[in-house]
Amino acid sequence: VEEDVELDANIGSDLDITFSVAVDSDGYPHIGYGCNDGSATNCVLSYSEEVRYIGKTASGWSPMYVIAGYAANVSVDAGDNVHVVYDPFSSFSCFDRWRKDAVSGSWSQDTLFCDPDGWNGAHTEVFSSNGKVHIAYTDGYSDRLEYATDASGAWVVQDVGIEQNGSRHCRPKTVVDAAGKAHIASYMCTSFNSPKVRYSTNEAGSWTTTTLAEHSVVTG
């Protein structure tokens, strides 16, 4: 079944490269995305980059919520609170969060942490069962893969990826298992290398990375 919902006459035609969806415990979807047209002519706000959120409840689809920022990624925690983590429009070094309370439906904003080297917009965050946040992103200075978490109570950033022959990690995606260990998929994307998928994990304690595209291939 395909359902068309008209949310805003000025929704714009230029979506940025980040687009994510999460589902709450009742099975309702929550979608985060953005507008990035470089001139603000097709965006709702007077900015060239903005973060957007649309969610669904028993009452139907919500309005389109819009805030200035870039690279939205949406997730839902165990309490069904919605979290939209993004790069604030005024900074390329911090991770800000737009949080919707599951009970009151009200929105709040805060800054999770900042990386002095900045980040390049591509990131993904997930919540473990105890409510801790796990974020994988690429460093804005060297394009190395980084992992940040507040599992210990304070934010800790760890270096995961190692560049090889000018390679860099792109579009990391993260999941956390029942033991709280992170599993990150990314790929190498430079003109010096053919794109190769990489898998990184701290399952054994320290970080290990495997280049999967070098394995055998079976077509179907």
Protein backbone atom coordinates (compact mmCIF):
# COMPACT_ATOMS: atom_id res chain seq x y z
CA VAL A 1 0.00 0.00 0.00
CA GLU A 2 1.43 3.37 -0.99
CA GLU A 3 0.30 6.42 0.95
CA ASP A 4 0.92 9.99 -0.19
CA VAL A 5 0.87 12.67 2.50
CA GLU A 6 1.07 16.37 1.64
CA LEU A 7 3.12 17.91 4.45
CA ASP A 8 4.21 21.31 3.17
CA ALA A 9 3.81 23.20 -0.08
CA ASN A 10 7.45 24.35 0.19
CA ILE A 11 8.97 21.00 0.99
CA GLY A 12 11.75 21.60 -1.57
CA SER A 13 13.26 19.31 -4.13
CA ASP A 14 16.86 18.99 -2.94
CA LEU A 15 17.33 16.41 -0.19
CA ASP A 16 20.73 15.97 1.37
CA ILE A 17 22.58 12.66 1.38
CA THR A 18 21.42 11.59 4.84
CA PHE A 19 18.06 9.86 5.19
CA SER A 20 17.12 7.57 8.07
CA VAL A 21 14.12 5.80 9.56
CA ALA A 22 13.47 4.18 12.94
CA VAL A 23 10.45 2.32 14.32
CA ASP A 24 9.11 2.58 17.89
CA SER A 25 7.71 -0.26 20.02
CA ASP A 26 4.21 0.28 18.59
CA GLY A 27 5.52 -0.14 15.06
CA TYR A 28 5.19 3.52 14.06
CA PRO A 29 7.91 4.97 11.78
CA HIS A 30 10.00 8.07 12.46
CA ILE A 31 11.89 9.63 9.55
CA GLY A 32 14.79 12.08 9.57
CA TYR A 33 16.17 13.80 6.49
CA GLY A 34 17.19 17.24 5.29
CA CYS A 35 17.30 19.91 2.62
CA ASN A 36 20.68 20.91 1.23
CA ASP A 37 20.40 22.91 -1.99
CA GLY A 38 23.28 25.33 -1.41
CA SER A 39 21.14 28.44 -1.84
CA ALA A 40 18.15 28.01 0.52
CA THR A 41 15.72 28.65 -2.33
CA ASN A 42 14.14 25.21 -1.99
CA CYS A 43 14.39 24.91 1.80
CA VAL A 44 11.71 25.90 4.29
CA LEU A 45 14.00 28.00 6.48
CA SER A 46 16.31 30.79 5.35
CA TYR A 47 19.29 28.45 5.35
CA SER A 48 20.90 26.29 2.69
CA GLU A 49 20.92 23.32 5.10
CA GLU A 50 18.12 22.15 7.36
CA VAL A 51 17.09 19.06 9.31
CA ARG A 52 13.58 17.64 8.97
CA TYR A 53 11.57 15.12 10.96
CA ILE A 54 8.26 13.40 10.23
CA GLY A 55 6.72 10.74 12.48
CA LYS A 56 3.58 8.70 12.74
CA THR A 57 1.35 7.91 15.73
CA ALA A 58 -2.09 6.39 16.21
CA SER A 59 -3.50 9.78 15.15
CA GLY A 60 -1.66 9.74 11.82
CA TRP A 61 1.35 11.56 10.42
CA SER A 62 2.86 14.49 12.28
CA PRO A 63 3.63 17.87 10.74
CA MET A 64 7.07 18.28 9.22
CA TYR A 65 9.33 19.64 11.96
CA VAL A 66 12.24 21.72 10.66
CA ILE A 67 15.40 23.05 12.31
CA ALA A 68 18.62 24.55 10.95
CA GLY A 69 21.30 21.88 10.65
CA TYR A 70 22.81 19.16 8.51
CA ALA A 71 23.07 15.37 8.33
CA ALA A 72 20.08 14.20 10.36
CA ASN A 73 19.98 10.68 11.73
CA VAL A 74 16.93 9.50 13.67
CA SER A 75 16.76 6.77 16.31
CA VAL A 76 14.31 5.62 18.98
CA ASP A 77 15.38 4.52 22.46
CA ALA A 78 13.85 1.83 24.68
CA GLY A 79 11.39 4.34 26.12
CA ASP A 80 10.17 5.32 22.63
CA ASN A 81 11.75 8.77 22.89
CA VAL A 82 12.78 9.99 19.44
CA HIS A 83 16.30 11.34 18.96
CA VAL A 84 17.43 13.29 15.90
CA VAL A 85 21.20 13.75 16.01
CA TYR A 86 22.63 16.27 13.57
CA ASP A 87 25.35 18.79 12.83
CA PRO A 88 24.20 22.26 13.96
CA PHE A 89 24.21 24.82 11.19
CA SER A 90 26.72 27.02 13.07
CA SER A 91 29.27 24.29 13.72
CA PHE A 92 30.95 21.36 12.02
CA SER A 93 32.48 19.97 15.20
CA CYS A 94 29.54 19.20 17.51
CA PHE A 95 26.76 16.64 17.62
CA ASP A 96 23.47 18.24 18.64
CA ARG A 97 20.35 16.32 19.54
CA TRP A 98 16.71 17.13 18.95
CA ARG A 99 14.70 14.93 21.35
CA LYS A 100 10.97 14.24 21.36
CA ASP A 101 9.59 13.01 24.69
CA ALA A 102 7.45 9.90 24.26
CA VAL A 103 4.99 10.92 27.00
CA SER A 104 4.53 14.68 26.59
CA GLY A 105 5.38 14.90 22.88
CA SER A 106 7.47 18.01 23.59
CA TRP A 107 10.81 18.71 21.90
CA SER A 108 14.09 19.67 23.57
CA GLN A 109 17.62 20.36 22.30
CA ASP A 110 21.08 19.71 23.70
CA THR A 111 24.68 19.13 22.59
CA LEU A 112 25.98 15.60 23.06
CA PHE A 113 29.70 16.25 22.52
CA CYS A 114 32.16 18.05 20.24
CA ASP A 115 35.17 16.76 18.32
CA PRO A 116 37.97 19.35 17.93
CA ASP A 117 38.77 17.93 14.48
CA GLY A 118 35.15 18.24 13.40
CA TRP A 119 33.25 15.70 11.31
CA ASN A 120 32.10 15.53 7.73
CA GLY A 121 28.38 14.96 8.23
CA ALA A 122 28.15 11.21 7.65
CA HIS A 123 27.22 9.48 10.90
CA THR A 124 24.83 7.05 12.53
CA GLU A 125 23.79 6.60 16.14
CA VAL A 126 22.00 3.83 18.00
CA PHE A 127 20.89 3.22 21.57
CA SER A 128 21.79 0.14 23.59
CA SER A 129 19.21 -1.47 25.88
CA ASN A 130 20.45 0.57 28.87
CA GLY A 131 19.83 3.87 27.07
CA LYS A 132 23.45 4.68 26.21
CA VAL A 133 24.27 6.32 22.88
CA HIS A 134 26.73 4.89 20.34
CA ILE A 135 27.81 7.05 17.38
CA ALA A 136 30.05 6.23 14.43
CA TYR A 137 31.27 9.05 12.20
CA THR A 138 34.14 10.13 9.98
CA ASP A 139 36.63 12.67 11.26
CA GLY A 140 36.40 16.00 9.46
CA TYR A 141 40.17 16.50 9.40
CA SER A 142 41.55 13.13 8.33
CA ASP A 143 38.41 11.17 7.33
CA ARG A 144 39.30 8.49 9.86
CA LEU A 145 36.49 6.39 11.31
CA GLU A 146 35.62 7.44 14.87
CA TYR A 147 33.37 5.92 17.53
CA ALA A 148 31.86 7.85 20.44
CA THR A 149 29.75 6.63 23.35
CA ASP A 150 28.53 7.74 26.76
CA ALA A 151 28.39 4.15 28.03
CA SER A 152 30.77 4.97 30.90
CA GLY A 153 28.78 8.04 31.94
CA ALA A 154 31.01 10.57 30.16
CA TRP A 155 31.55 10.84 26.42
CA VAL A 156 34.56 8.89 25.12
CA VAL A 157 35.79 9.11 21.52
CA GLN A 158 37.86 6.26 20.06
CA ASP A 159 39.80 6.07 16.81
CA VAL A 160 38.63 3.05 14.82
CA GLY A 161 39.78 3.31 11.21
CA ILE A 162 43.23 3.28 9.70
CA GLU A 163 43.77 4.90 6.30
CA GLN A 164 45.47 2.82 3.64
CA ASN A 165 47.01 4.41 0.54
CA GLY A 166 44.93 7.56 0.86
CA SER A 167 41.67 5.73 1.56
CA ARG A 168 38.97 7.15 3.83
CA HIS A 169 35.89 5.76 5.54
CA CYS A 170 32.48 6.86 4.27
CA ARG A 171 28.85 6.47 5.35
CA PRO A 172 29.35 4.44 8.55
CA LYS A 173 26.37 2.48 9.85
CA THR A 174 26.25 1.15 13.42
CA VAL A 175 24.43 -1.48 15.44
CA VAL A 176 25.04 -2.53 19.05
CA ASP A 177 24.58 -6.12 20.22
CA ALA A 178 23.11 -7.36 23.52
CA ALA A 179 26.54 -7.16 25.17
CA GLY A 180 26.90 -3.47 24.25
CA LYS A 181 29.55 -4.09 21.60
CA ALA A 182 29.52 -2.01 18.43
CA HIS A 183 29.45 -3.31 14.86
CA ILE A 184 30.19 -0.71 12.17
CA ALA A 185 29.96 -1.04 8.40
CA SER A 186 31.60 1.61 6.21
CA TYR A 187 33.32 1.79 2.88
CA MET A 188 36.51 3.22 1.42
CA CYS A 189 35.72 6.00 -1.02
CA THR A 190 38.50 7.91 -2.72
CA SER A 191 39.74 8.31 -6.25
CA PHE A 192 42.81 6.29 -5.27
CA ASN A 193 40.90 3.12 -4.39
CA SER A 194 37.96 1.16 -5.70
CA PRO A 195 35.14 1.30 -3.12
CA LYS A 196 35.58 -1.48 -0.58
CA VAL A 197 33.23 -2.38 2.26
CA ARG A 198 34.79 -2.48 5.72
CA TYR A 199 33.51 -4.05 8.94
CA SER A 200 34.80 -2.83 12.30
CA THR A 201 33.98 -4.11 15.78
CA ASN A 202 35.18 -3.87 19.38
CA GLU A 203 33.62 -7.23 20.20
CA ALA A 204 36.95 -8.63 21.43
CA GLY A 205 37.80 -5.49 23.43
CA SER A 206 40.05 -3.65 20.98
CA TRP A 207 38.96 -2.48 17.53
CA THR A 208 39.48 -4.72 14.51
CA THR A 209 38.66 -3.90 10.89
CA THR A 210 38.09 -6.33 8.03
CA THR A 211 37.93 -5.34 4.35
CA LEU A 212 35.07 -7.46 3.04
CA ALA A 213 35.26 -6.67 -0.68
CA GLU A 214 38.50 -8.64 -0.91
CA HIS A 215 36.65 -11.85 -0.09
CA SER A 216 35.30 -14.26 -2.71
CA VAL A 217 32.18 -13.31 -4.64
CA VAL A 218 29.14 -15.42 -5.48
CA THR A 219 26.59 -14.05 -7.93
CA GLY A 220 22.96 -15.06 -7.97
